[in-house]
Amino acid sequence: MEEKKECCHCHKTKERSEKEYKDMINRLNRIEGQVRGVKRMVEEDAYCPDILIQVSAINAALNSFNKVLLANHIRTCVADDIREGKDETIDELVVTLQKLMK
């Protein structure tokens, strides 16, 4: 019989409270609406600076979303793992921060 090879990456999940879930989905829905608005502006041949301003607003909204998500991740997942002696979580956080700062 052949042994099944396990994937070397485990897929972690996070259970979120109903409030946290709703807040995240609401933020993402607003961002999605902003992106649809920019698409509509392009379709309607809007003036380039007007589109650029809206794209800048989308970037700001995504950055804000990332800040909230990162802060929550550090307060919950990272803190819990450190308390449990899982120091590899610090390395994972450093890699994540490096990717965010590109």
C-alpha atoms as a PDB file:
ATOM      1  CA  MET A   1       0.000   0.000   0.000  1.00  0.00           C
ATOM      2  CA  GLU A   2       1.177   3.471  -0.785  1.00  0.00           C
ATOM      3  CA  GLU A   3       1.534   5.967   2.007  1.00  0.00           C
ATOM      4  CA  LYS A   4      -0.224   9.251   1.490  1.00  0.00           C
ATOM      5  CA  LYS A   5       2.155  12.185   1.551  1.00  0.00           C
ATOM      6  CA  GLU A   6       1.057  14.965   3.850  1.00  0.00           C
ATOM      7  CA  CYS A   7       1.274  18.533   2.633  1.00  0.00           C
ATOM      8  CA  CYS A   8       4.056  20.356   4.433  1.00  0.00           C
ATOM      9  CA  HIS A   9       1.844  23.433   4.940  1.00  0.00           C
ATOM     10  CA  CYS A  10      -0.973  23.227   7.397  1.00  0.00           C
ATOM     11  CA  HIS A  11      -3.923  25.478   6.699  1.00  0.00           C
ATOM     12  CA  LYS A  12      -4.689  27.368   9.837  1.00  0.00           C
ATOM     13  CA  THR A  13      -8.109  28.800  10.482  1.00  0.00           C
ATOM     14  CA  LYS A  14      -9.446  31.376  12.902  1.00  0.00           C
ATOM     15  CA  GLU A  15     -12.823  31.335  14.568  1.00  0.00           C
ATOM     16  CA  ARG A  16     -14.120  34.885  14.775  1.00  0.00           C
ATOM     17  CA  SER A  17     -16.867  36.302  16.923  1.00  0.00           C
ATOM     18  CA  GLU A  18     -20.074  37.265  15.165  1.00  0.00           C
ATOM     19  CA  LYS A  19     -19.263  40.957  15.681  1.00  0.00           C
ATOM     20  CA  GLU A  20     -15.726  40.636  14.305  1.00  0.00           C
ATOM     21  CA  TYR A  21     -17.032  38.683  11.307  1.00  0.00           C
ATOM     22  CA  LYS A  22     -19.775  41.221  10.554  1.00  0.00           C
ATOM     23  CA  ASP A  23     -17.380  44.170  10.923  1.00  0.00           C
ATOM     24  CA  MET A  24     -14.893  42.605   8.507  1.00  0.00           C
ATOM     25  CA  ILE A  25     -17.550  41.708   5.948  1.00  0.00           C
ATOM     26  CA  ASN A  26     -19.071  45.211   6.152  1.00  0.00           C
ATOM     27  CA  ARG A  27     -15.660  46.815   5.539  1.00  0.00           C
ATOM     28  CA  LEU A  28     -15.000  44.492   2.600  1.00  0.00           C
ATOM     29  CA  ASN A  29     -18.441  45.164   1.144  1.00  0.00           C
ATOM     30  CA  ARG A  30     -17.771  48.913   1.262  1.00  0.00           C
ATOM     31  CA  ILE A  31     -14.405  48.422  -0.434  1.00  0.00           C
ATOM     32  CA  GLU A  32     -16.020  46.213  -3.066  1.00  0.00           C
ATOM     33  CA  GLY A  33     -18.568  48.974  -3.708  1.00  0.00           C
ATOM     34  CA  GLN A  34     -15.755  51.492  -4.115  1.00  0.00           C
ATOM     35  CA  VAL A  35     -14.045  49.231  -6.669  1.00  0.00           C
ATOM     36  CA  ARG A  36     -17.301  48.845  -8.606  1.00  0.00           C
ATOM     37  CA  GLY A  37     -17.633  52.630  -8.555  1.00  0.00           C
ATOM     38  CA  VAL A  38     -14.165  53.039 -10.073  1.00  0.00           C
ATOM     39  CA  LYS A  39     -15.012  50.466 -12.727  1.00  0.00           C
ATOM     40  CA  ARG A  40     -18.124  52.448 -13.573  1.00  0.00           C
ATOM     41  CA  MET A  41     -16.063  55.644 -13.757  1.00  0.00           C
ATOM     42  CA  VAL A  42     -13.710  53.999 -16.266  1.00  0.00           C
ATOM     43  CA  GLU A  43     -16.658  52.702 -18.298  1.00  0.00           C
ATOM     44  CA  GLU A  44     -18.119  56.225 -18.345  1.00  0.00           C
ATOM     45  CA  ASP A  45     -14.800  57.822 -19.371  1.00  0.00           C
ATOM     46  CA  ALA A  46     -14.401  59.792 -16.161  1.00  0.00           C
ATOM     47  CA  TYR A  47     -11.533  62.266 -15.830  1.00  0.00           C
ATOM     48  CA  CYS A  48      -8.274  60.513 -14.820  1.00  0.00           C
ATOM     49  CA  PRO A  49      -7.593  62.562 -11.648  1.00  0.00           C
ATOM     50  CA  ASP A  50     -11.108  61.788 -10.398  1.00  0.00           C
ATOM     51  CA  ILE A  51     -10.461  58.057 -10.844  1.00  0.00           C
ATOM     52  CA  LEU A  52      -7.054  58.344  -9.181  1.00  0.00           C
ATOM     53  CA  ILE A  53      -8.597  60.010  -6.127  1.00  0.00           C
ATOM     54  CA  GLN A  54     -11.099  57.172  -5.802  1.00  0.00           C
ATOM     55  CA  VAL A  55      -8.371  54.544  -6.178  1.00  0.00           C
ATOM     56  CA  SER A  56      -6.431  56.321  -3.438  1.00  0.00           C
ATOM     57  CA  ALA A  57      -9.503  56.071  -1.210  1.00  0.00           C
ATOM     58  CA  ILE A  58      -9.688  52.326  -1.926  1.00  0.00           C
ATOM     59  CA  ASN A  59      -6.027  51.920  -0.994  1.00  0.00           C
ATOM     60  CA  ALA A  60      -6.637  53.787   2.265  1.00  0.00           C
ATOM     61  CA  ALA A  61      -9.634  51.567   3.037  1.00  0.00           C
ATOM     62  CA  LEU A  62      -7.617  48.399   2.358  1.00  0.00           C
ATOM     63  CA  ASN A  63      -4.770  49.669   4.539  1.00  0.00           C
ATOM     64  CA  SER A  64      -7.237  50.401   7.324  1.00  0.00           C
ATOM     65  CA  PHE A  65      -8.700  46.889   6.971  1.00  0.00           C
ATOM     66  CA  ASN A  66      -5.184  45.411   7.187  1.00  0.00           C
ATOM     67  CA  LYS A  67      -4.368  47.434  10.317  1.00  0.00           C
ATOM     68  CA  VAL A  68      -7.488  46.237  12.118  1.00  0.00           C
ATOM     69  CA  LEU A  69      -6.947  42.626  11.035  1.00  0.00           C
ATOM     70  CA  LEU A  70      -3.248  42.683  11.967  1.00  0.00           C
ATOM     71  CA  ALA A  71      -3.923  44.210  15.391  1.00  0.00           C
ATOM     72  CA  ASN A  72      -6.553  41.566  16.107  1.00  0.00           C
ATOM     73  CA  HIS A  73      -4.230  38.806  14.881  1.00  0.00           C
ATOM     74  CA  ILE A  74      -1.452  39.960  17.219  1.00  0.00           C
ATOM     75  CA  ARG A  75      -3.808  40.304  20.204  1.00  0.00           C
ATOM     76  CA  THR A  76      -5.328  36.859  19.718  1.00  0.00           C
ATOM     77  CA  CYS A  77      -3.481  34.304  17.575  1.00  0.00           C
ATOM     78  CA  VAL A  78       0.064  35.544  18.136  1.00  0.00           C
ATOM     79  CA  ALA A  79      -0.360  36.210  21.864  1.00  0.00           C
ATOM     80  CA  ASP A  80      -2.026  32.831  22.422  1.00  0.00           C
ATOM     81  CA  ASP A  81       0.693  30.976  20.500  1.00  0.00           C
ATOM     82  CA  ILE A  82       3.478  32.746  22.405  1.00  0.00           C
ATOM     83  CA  ARG A  83       1.808  31.844  25.715  1.00  0.00           C
ATOM     84  CA  GLU A  84       1.743  28.222  24.511  1.00  0.00           C
ATOM     85  CA  GLY A  85       5.458  28.361  23.675  1.00  0.00           C
ATOM     86  CA  LYS A  86       4.994  28.349  19.890  1.00  0.00           C
ATOM     87  CA  ASP A  87       7.840  30.721  19.064  1.00  0.00           C
ATOM     88  CA  GLU A  88       7.588  29.929  15.332  1.00  0.00           C
ATOM     89  CA  THR A  89       4.568  32.221  15.313  1.00  0.00           C
ATOM     90  CA  ILE A  90       6.939  35.167  15.760  1.00  0.00           C
ATOM     91  CA  ASP A  91       8.791  34.154  12.588  1.00  0.00           C
ATOM     92  CA  GLU A  92       5.457  33.878  10.767  1.00  0.00           C
ATOM     93  CA  LEU A  93       4.490  37.359  11.979  1.00  0.00           C
ATOM     94  CA  VAL A  94       7.811  38.811  10.802  1.00  0.00           C
ATOM     95  CA  VAL A  95       7.329  37.291   7.335  1.00  0.00           C
ATOM     96  CA  THR A  96       3.777  38.646   7.200  1.00  0.00           C
ATOM     97  CA  LEU A  97       4.928  42.138   8.195  1.00  0.00           C
ATOM     98  CA  GLN A  98       7.680  42.043   5.568  1.00  0.00           C
ATOM     99  CA  LYS A  99       5.102  41.176   2.894  1.00  0.00           C
ATOM    100  CA  LEU A 100       2.809  43.979   4.052  1.00  0.00           C
ATOM    101  CA  MET A 101       5.642  46.507   3.921  1.00  0.00           C
ATOM    102  CA  LYS A 102       6.613  45.841   0.290  1.00  0.00           C
END
